[in-house]
Protein backbone atom coordinates (compact mmCIF):
# COMPACT_ATOMS: atom_id res chain seq x y z
CA UNK A 1 102.41 90.53 127.65
CA UNK A 2 99.29 90.25 124.75
CA UNK A 3 99.35 87.93 121.19
CA UNK A 4 97.56 90.07 118.30
CA UNK A 5 97.42 89.83 114.46
CA UNK A 6 96.91 92.70 112.24
CA UNK A 7 94.16 92.34 110.22
CA UNK A 8 93.09 94.69 106.70
CA UNK A 9 89.27 94.32 107.57
CA UNK A 10 87.09 92.11 105.59
CA UNK A 11 86.95 94.00 102.48
CA UNK A 12 90.40 94.26 102.24
CA UNK A 13 91.58 91.05 103.59
CA UNK A 14 91.41 87.16 102.66
CA UNK A 15 91.93 85.96 105.71
CA UNK A 16 88.87 85.36 107.86
CA UNK A 17 88.25 86.75 111.90
CA UNK A 18 87.37 82.76 112.16
CA UNK A 19 90.12 81.91 110.58
CA UNK A 20 92.34 83.57 113.19
CA UNK A 21 90.85 82.65 115.46
CA UNK A 22 92.02 78.96 115.67
CA UNK A 23 95.06 79.95 116.43
CA UNK A 24 96.62 79.43 119.65
CA UNK A 25 97.30 82.42 121.77
CA UNK A 26 95.78 84.87 120.14
CA UNK A 27 93.90 88.11 122.03
CA UNK A 28 93.78 91.25 119.52
CA UNK A 29 93.14 92.03 116.10
CA UNK A 30 95.35 94.73 115.31
CA UNK A 31 93.40 96.93 113.00
CA UNK A 32 92.53 100.31 110.71
CA UNK A 33 90.60 101.91 108.86
CA UNK A 34 92.39 101.08 105.06
CA UNK A 35 89.89 103.69 102.90
CA UNK A 36 90.26 106.31 104.53
CA UNK A 37 92.14 108.87 102.72
CA UNK A 38 95.32 110.90 104.81
CA UNK A 39 93.85 113.50 106.60
CA UNK A 40 90.98 113.08 107.28
CA UNK A 41 88.83 112.52 110.15
CA UNK A 42 88.28 108.64 111.12
CA UNK A 43 84.50 108.79 111.84
CA UNK A 44 82.70 107.30 115.08
CA UNK A 45 80.69 105.52 113.57
CA UNK A 46 83.19 103.39 111.08
CA UNK A 47 85.50 102.70 114.66
CA UNK A 48 82.80 101.32 116.14
CA UNK A 49 81.61 98.97 112.82
CA UNK A 50 85.06 97.52 113.47
CA UNK A 51 85.38 97.61 117.12
CA UNK A 52 82.12 95.48 117.24
CA UNK A 53 83.08 93.50 114.35
CA UNK A 54 86.22 92.04 115.70
CA UNK A 55 84.50 91.76 119.21
CA UNK A 56 81.54 89.85 117.92
CA UNK A 57 84.77 87.29 117.11
CA UNK A 58 86.39 87.64 120.22
CA UNK A 59 89.07 89.39 119.85
CA UNK A 60 89.75 92.49 121.72
CA UNK A 61 90.44 96.29 119.51
CA UNK A 62 93.00 97.78 121.33
CA UNK A 63 96.16 98.90 118.89
CA UNK A 64 95.13 100.69 116.10
CA UNK A 65 98.07 100.22 112.63
CA UNK A 66 98.43 102.90 111.35
CA UNK A 67 96.56 106.37 111.98
CA UNK A 68 99.09 107.44 109.22
CA UNK A 69 99.90 111.08 108.92
CA UNK A 70 99.79 113.49 105.93
CA UNK A 71 102.99 114.95 103.78
CA UNK A 72 102.17 119.00 104.69
CA UNK A 73 102.73 117.80 108.12
CA UNK A 74 105.78 116.14 107.59
CA UNK A 75 106.95 118.92 104.66
CA UNK A 76 106.18 121.42 107.46
CA UNK A 77 104.10 123.28 105.22
CA UNK A 78 101.17 126.02 106.67
CA UNK A 79 98.84 123.68 106.26
CA UNK A 80 99.95 120.63 108.47
CA UNK A 81 97.57 123.00 111.26
CA UNK A 82 94.39 121.79 110.09
CA UNK A 83 95.59 118.17 109.94
CA UNK A 84 97.03 118.05 112.89
CA UNK A 85 93.88 118.96 114.33
CA UNK A 86 91.76 116.37 112.38
CA UNK A 87 94.86 113.79 113.59
CA UNK A 88 93.97 114.86 117.56
CA UNK A 89 90.19 114.66 116.51
CA UNK A 90 90.79 111.09 115.41
CA UNK A 91 93.07 110.34 118.98
CA UNK A 92 89.55 111.75 120.82
CA UNK A 93 87.71 109.36 119.19
CA UNK A 94 89.67 106.15 119.04
CA UNK A 95 89.78 107.07 122.73
CA UNK A 96 86.21 106.86 123.10
CA UNK A 97 86.12 103.03 121.56
CA UNK A 98 89.08 101.76 123.83
CA UNK A 99 91.61 102.29 121.68
CA UNK A 100 95.34 102.14 123.71
CA UNK A 101 98.09 102.15 121.12
CA UNK A 102 98.23 104.23 117.67
CA UNK A 103 101.20 102.97 115.45
CA UNK A 104 102.14 106.07 112.81
CA UNK A 105 105.38 106.47 110.65
CA UNK A 106 107.58 109.77 110.14
CA UNK A 107 108.65 108.36 106.21
CA UNK A 108 109.23 110.32 103.84
CA UNK A 109 106.74 110.02 100.32
CA UNK A 110 107.08 106.04 100.90
CA UNK A 111 106.34 103.75 103.76
CA UNK A 112 108.43 100.69 103.77
CA UNK A 113 110.56 99.75 100.99
CA UNK A 114 110.75 96.47 99.21
CA UNK A 115 112.68 95.74 95.58
CA UNK A 116 110.42 92.24 95.50
CA UNK A 117 107.82 90.83 97.26
CA UNK A 118 107.88 87.39 96.04
CA UNK A 119 111.30 86.62 97.25
CA UNK A 120 112.06 82.77 95.81
CA UNK A 121 113.62 80.95 98.46
CA UNK A 122 114.75 77.42 98.12
CA UNK A 123 112.21 75.82 99.81
CA UNK A 124 109.57 76.81 96.85
CA UNK A 125 108.36 79.48 99.48
CA UNK A 126 108.71 83.45 99.03
CA UNK A 127 109.00 86.12 100.74
CA UNK A 128 109.84 90.09 100.67
CA UNK A 129 113.32 91.14 99.47
CA UNK A 130 115.24 94.27 99.87
CA UNK A 131 118.69 94.49 97.28
CA UNK A 132 120.32 98.02 97.61
CA UNK A 133 120.99 98.54 94.20
CA UNK A 134 117.89 98.79 93.11
CA UNK A 135 116.97 101.99 94.85
CA UNK A 136 120.02 103.94 93.10
CA UNK A 137 118.48 105.22 90.49
CA UNK A 138 115.40 106.55 89.57
CA UNK A 139 112.21 106.34 92.02
CA UNK A 140 109.92 105.04 89.71
CA UNK A 141 112.67 102.00 88.45
CA UNK A 142 111.92 100.21 91.96
CA UNK A 143 107.57 101.02 92.01
CA UNK A 144 107.58 98.77 88.19
CA UNK A 145 109.78 96.65 89.78
CA UNK A 146 107.27 96.19 93.50
CA UNK A 147 104.49 96.46 91.02
CA UNK A 148 105.59 93.06 89.36
CA UNK A 149 106.07 91.26 91.83
CA UNK A 150 103.17 92.33 94.05
CA UNK A 151 100.41 89.91 92.66
CA UNK A 152 98.24 92.63 92.60
CA UNK A 153 98.38 94.27 96.04
CA UNK A 154 100.00 97.57 97.30
CA UNK A 155 102.51 98.31 99.78
CA UNK A 156 101.47 100.81 102.16
CA UNK A 157 101.98 104.12 101.27
CA UNK A 158 102.34 102.99 97.77
CA UNK A 159 98.70 103.83 96.64
CA UNK A 160 98.46 104.31 93.61
CA UNK A 161 97.03 108.37 93.40
CA UNK A 162 100.21 108.85 95.70
CA UNK A 163 102.51 107.48 92.91
CA UNK A 164 100.37 108.91 90.58
CA UNK A 165 102.23 112.40 91.66
CA UNK A 166 104.84 111.20 92.83
CA UNK A 167 107.56 113.80 91.18
CA UNK A 168 105.36 116.92 92.86
CA UNK A 169 105.84 114.83 95.74
CA UNK A 170 109.59 114.58 95.57
CA UNK A 171 109.46 118.57 94.76
CA UNK A 172 107.82 119.36 97.79
CA UNK A 173 110.30 117.29 99.96
CA UNK A 174 113.26 119.56 98.33
CA UNK A 175 114.98 121.08 102.02
CA UNK A 176 113.54 118.47 104.60
CA UNK A 177 116.94 116.58 105.60
CA UNK A 178 117.05 114.89 108.22
CA UNK A 179 116.89 118.26 110.98
CA UNK A 180 113.88 119.51 109.55
CA UNK A 181 111.94 115.79 109.58
CA UNK A 182 112.92 115.67 112.50
CA UNK A 183 111.79 118.72 114.17
CA UNK A 184 108.31 119.16 111.98
CA UNK A 185 107.49 115.30 114.24
CA UNK A 186 108.68 117.99 117.44
CA UNK A 187 106.27 120.58 116.11
CA UNK A 188 103.77 117.36 115.91
CA UNK A 189 104.24 115.75 119.22
CA UNK A 190 104.06 118.58 121.00
CA UNK A 191 100.09 119.47 119.18
CA UNK A 192 99.47 115.86 120.03
CA UNK A 193 101.05 114.18 122.81
CA UNK A 194 98.85 116.29 125.50
CA UNK A 195 95.66 115.09 124.58
CA UNK A 196 97.53 111.04 124.25
CA UNK A 197 97.51 111.69 128.17
CA UNK A 198 93.96 112.65 128.33
CA UNK A 199 92.20 110.12 126.50
CA UNK A 200 95.19 107.73 127.89
CA UNK A 201 96.41 106.91 124.31
CA UNK A 202 100.21 105.89 123.80
CA UNK A 203 101.81 106.82 120.46
CA UNK A 204 104.63 104.77 118.82
CA UNK A 205 106.60 105.18 115.67
CA UNK A 206 107.53 102.21 113.81
CA UNK A 207 110.96 102.31 112.97
CA UNK A 208 112.21 103.40 109.05
CA UNK A 209 112.53 100.38 107.22
CA UNK A 210 114.96 99.91 105.77
CA UNK A 211 116.55 102.44 108.30
CA UNK A 212 118.93 104.22 105.95
CA UNK A 213 117.87 107.10 103.80
CA UNK A 214 116.01 106.22 100.36
CA UNK A 215 116.23 107.93 97.06
CA UNK A 216 117.75 111.05 98.48
CA UNK A 217 115.00 111.55 101.09
CA UNK A 218 116.31 111.61 105.13
CA UNK A 219 115.63 108.72 107.95
CA UNK A 220 114.99 109.55 111.61
CA UNK A 221 114.12 106.69 113.54
CA UNK A 222 117.23 104.28 112.40
CA UNK A 223 118.53 103.34 115.28
CA UNK A 224 118.89 103.53 119.22
CA UNK A 225 120.59 107.75 118.58
CA UNK A 226 117.22 108.40 116.89
CA UNK A 227 115.28 107.03 119.43
CA UNK A 228 116.91 108.75 122.21
CA UNK A 229 116.16 112.50 119.80
CA UNK A 230 112.72 111.22 119.56
CA UNK A 231 112.20 110.66 122.94
CA UNK A 232 113.67 113.95 124.21
CA UNK A 233 110.52 115.68 121.49
CA UNK A 234 108.56 115.42 124.42
CA UNK A 235 109.37 113.97 127.33
CA UNK A 236 105.89 111.76 128.57
CA UNK A 237 104.92 107.95 128.51
CA UNK A 238 102.72 108.42 125.44
CA UNK A 239 105.28 109.08 123.78
CA UNK A 240 106.82 105.56 122.81
CA UNK A 241 108.18 103.48 120.28
CA UNK A 242 106.88 100.22 118.29
CA UNK A 243 109.84 97.81 118.02
CA UNK A 244 109.81 96.50 115.22
CA UNK A 245 112.79 94.03 115.46
CA UNK A 246 112.60 93.60 111.55
CA UNK A 247 113.13 96.75 110.43
CA UNK A 248 115.85 97.90 113.27
CA UNK A 249 117.74 94.12 112.72
CA UNK A 250 118.05 95.62 109.34
CA UNK A 251 120.82 97.35 110.53
CA UNK A 252 123.35 94.98 111.77
CA UNK A 253 124.72 97.47 114.62
CA UNK A 254 121.70 98.16 116.12
CA UNK A 255 121.76 96.00 118.99
CA UNK A 256 117.92 94.97 118.88
CA UNK A 257 117.85 93.43 122.30
CA UNK A 258 120.15 95.95 124.08
CA UNK A 259 117.57 98.50 122.66
CA UNK A 260 114.71 96.53 123.85
CA UNK A 261 116.17 96.21 127.31
CA UNK A 262 116.80 100.17 127.33
CA UNK A 263 113.42 101.62 125.91
CA UNK A 264 111.34 98.45 128.26
CA UNK A 265 112.31 99.32 131.83
CA UNK A 266 111.07 103.39 130.57
CA UNK A 267 107.79 102.52 129.65
CA UNK A 268 108.97 102.95 126.26
CA UNK A 269 107.75 99.97 123.86
CA UNK A 270 103.70 99.76 124.35
CA UNK A 271 104.46 97.42 121.07
CA UNK A 272 106.32 95.08 118.77
CA UNK A 273 107.22 93.71 115.86
CA UNK A 274 108.65 90.46 116.22
CA UNK A 275 110.10 89.17 113.02
CA UNK A 276 113.40 87.57 111.36
CA UNK A 277 115.32 88.65 107.92
CA UNK A 278 118.02 87.48 106.41
CA UNK A 279 121.29 89.01 105.40
CA UNK A 280 122.31 88.54 101.04
CA UNK A 281 125.08 89.75 100.27
CA UNK A 282 127.40 93.07 102.00
CA UNK A 283 125.98 95.68 101.03
CA UNK A 284 122.69 95.00 103.69
CA UNK A 285 121.14 93.49 101.92
CA UNK A 286 117.64 91.27 102.81
CA UNK A 287 115.19 89.14 102.79
CA UNK A 288 112.31 88.31 105.29
CA UNK A 289 112.29 84.58 106.68
CA UNK A 290 110.92 82.18 108.99
CA UNK A 291 110.31 83.72 112.78
CA UNK A 292 112.75 80.66 114.15
CA UNK A 293 116.49 82.51 115.04
CA UNK A 294 117.82 79.83 113.18
CA UNK A 295 116.60 80.44 109.36
CA UNK A 296 117.53 83.90 109.75
CA UNK A 297 119.89 86.34 110.94
CA UNK A 298 118.39 87.73 114.32
CA UNK A 299 118.03 85.89 117.80
CA UNK A 300 114.94 85.80 118.65
CA UNK A 301 115.30 83.99 121.81
CA UNK A 302 117.09 86.81 122.98
CA UNK A 303 115.02 89.75 121.72
CA UNK A 304 112.15 87.34 123.76
CA UNK A 305 114.29 87.44 126.50
CA UNK A 306 114.90 91.30 126.31
CA UNK A 307 110.98 91.51 126.29
CA UNK A 308 110.36 88.62 129.26
CA UNK A 309 113.75 89.64 132.15
CA UNK A 310 112.06 93.66 131.65
CA UNK A 311 108.72 92.14 132.02
CA UNK A 312 107.75 93.90 129.14
CA UNK A 313 103.54 93.46 129.09
CA UNK A 314 102.81 95.56 126.07
CA UNK A 315 100.69 94.30 122.60
CA UNK A 316 103.49 91.85 120.36
CA UNK A 317 102.48 90.69 117.05
CA UNK A 318 104.01 87.94 114.16
CA UNK A 319 105.33 90.50 111.80
CA UNK A 320 105.76 89.85 107.67
CA UNK A 321 105.77 85.84 107.14
CA UNK A 322 106.72 83.62 104.08
CA UNK A 323 103.44 82.90 101.14
CA UNK A 324 103.83 78.92 102.14
CA UNK A 325 101.68 76.25 101.08
CA UNK A 326 100.61 77.42 98.00
CA UNK A 327 99.10 80.81 99.54
CA UNK A 328 98.05 83.62 97.72
CA UNK A 329 97.14 86.95 98.65
CA UNK A 330 98.65 89.80 100.44
CA UNK A 331 102.56 89.65 99.79
CA UNK A 332 104.31 89.16 103.76
CA UNK A 333 100.94 89.47 105.25
CA UNK A 334 99.00 85.51 104.60
CA UNK A 335 97.94 83.48 107.51
CA UNK A 336 99.76 80.00 108.09
CA UNK A 337 103.61 81.87 108.32
CA UNK A 338 102.56 84.66 110.65
CA UNK A 339 100.08 81.40 112.37
CA UNK A 340 103.35 79.82 112.72
CA UNK A 341 105.33 83.00 113.84
CA UNK A 342 102.99 83.29 116.86
CA UNK A 343 103.18 79.04 117.90
CA UNK A 344 106.96 79.50 117.87
CA UNK A 345 107.06 83.38 120.33
CA UNK A 346 104.36 81.78 121.92
CA UNK A 347 106.30 79.21 122.70
CA UNK A 348 109.77 80.40 123.15
CA UNK A 349 108.14 83.06 125.54
CA UNK A 350 106.33 80.06 127.74
CA UNK A 351 109.49 78.60 127.83
CA UNK A 352 111.37 81.73 128.85
CA UNK A 353 108.52 82.04 131.66
CA UNK A 354 108.45 77.62 133.07
CA UNK A 355 112.41 78.61 133.13
CA UNK A 356 112.37 82.10 135.34
CA UNK A 357 109.34 80.25 137.66
């Protein structure tokens, strides 16, 4: 298991690599080139510069999160072939610089959705929250609500240039149901996986977050059955999953440790996002919590035990954290609580290793 930390780059992240370096047990950085428009090829010069910067700070750079998928591919428009060709060129460029895993998602229009980015907890810290009633009406309502609590930051997939044409995007997705979206994912995977096999990169699709249809848009990675369908699209060890405990755990019917055991044994989980959530109410509402099992609704010990018992040897990172101790910045991606989360996860792993011995 290689512990990593997501970093948004020296231009966009208040957190410095030198600060991340002080977290015990952190070996790698999960990075990306966030300013390159979706669908364009990532230039080798930019990849090389990112790798050099990360390695100069004493880390490895072997996981990219994310190389986002253009909407034309998800919708299935004729222009998708050119965007897929660009994606393949990016895969080859990343492989030339030692990238082993690419995390991506196939969520229509929006990436992960929260209705409050500054949900206040009893201890005075804030975190991310989702309330179902907030997404039952016009998407413009949730956009306004999230903007009010965003502290100037933008959710992935909620970039201003995309939101400016959100009505047109909804029109473009008319007629794209779950089956069509799944077929478009299969089309994409059949084109790129042979290249991934050639250059030894594993694709790791991230679950839909939350794992339920939103705004009438389909979701195709919600549970174990969806994973089996995605796995069958292209039978290859390079067609894998990012196991996000929080995303799958947002549906209490999902047996997260069981899913881990099944798919890790098959070598299908190269990357793990480890985080906890706490359910509020009876509508599937939740807020994110500290990583500890005692603080949330997921049993993080059983989750780490499932990884340990199946000899997980991939990459893992603490996921969304609270904003604590007066820290400001990108909601969910502060330094302090994610550092605490990493320490907790490493502690669980050490205990499992020693009890196994």
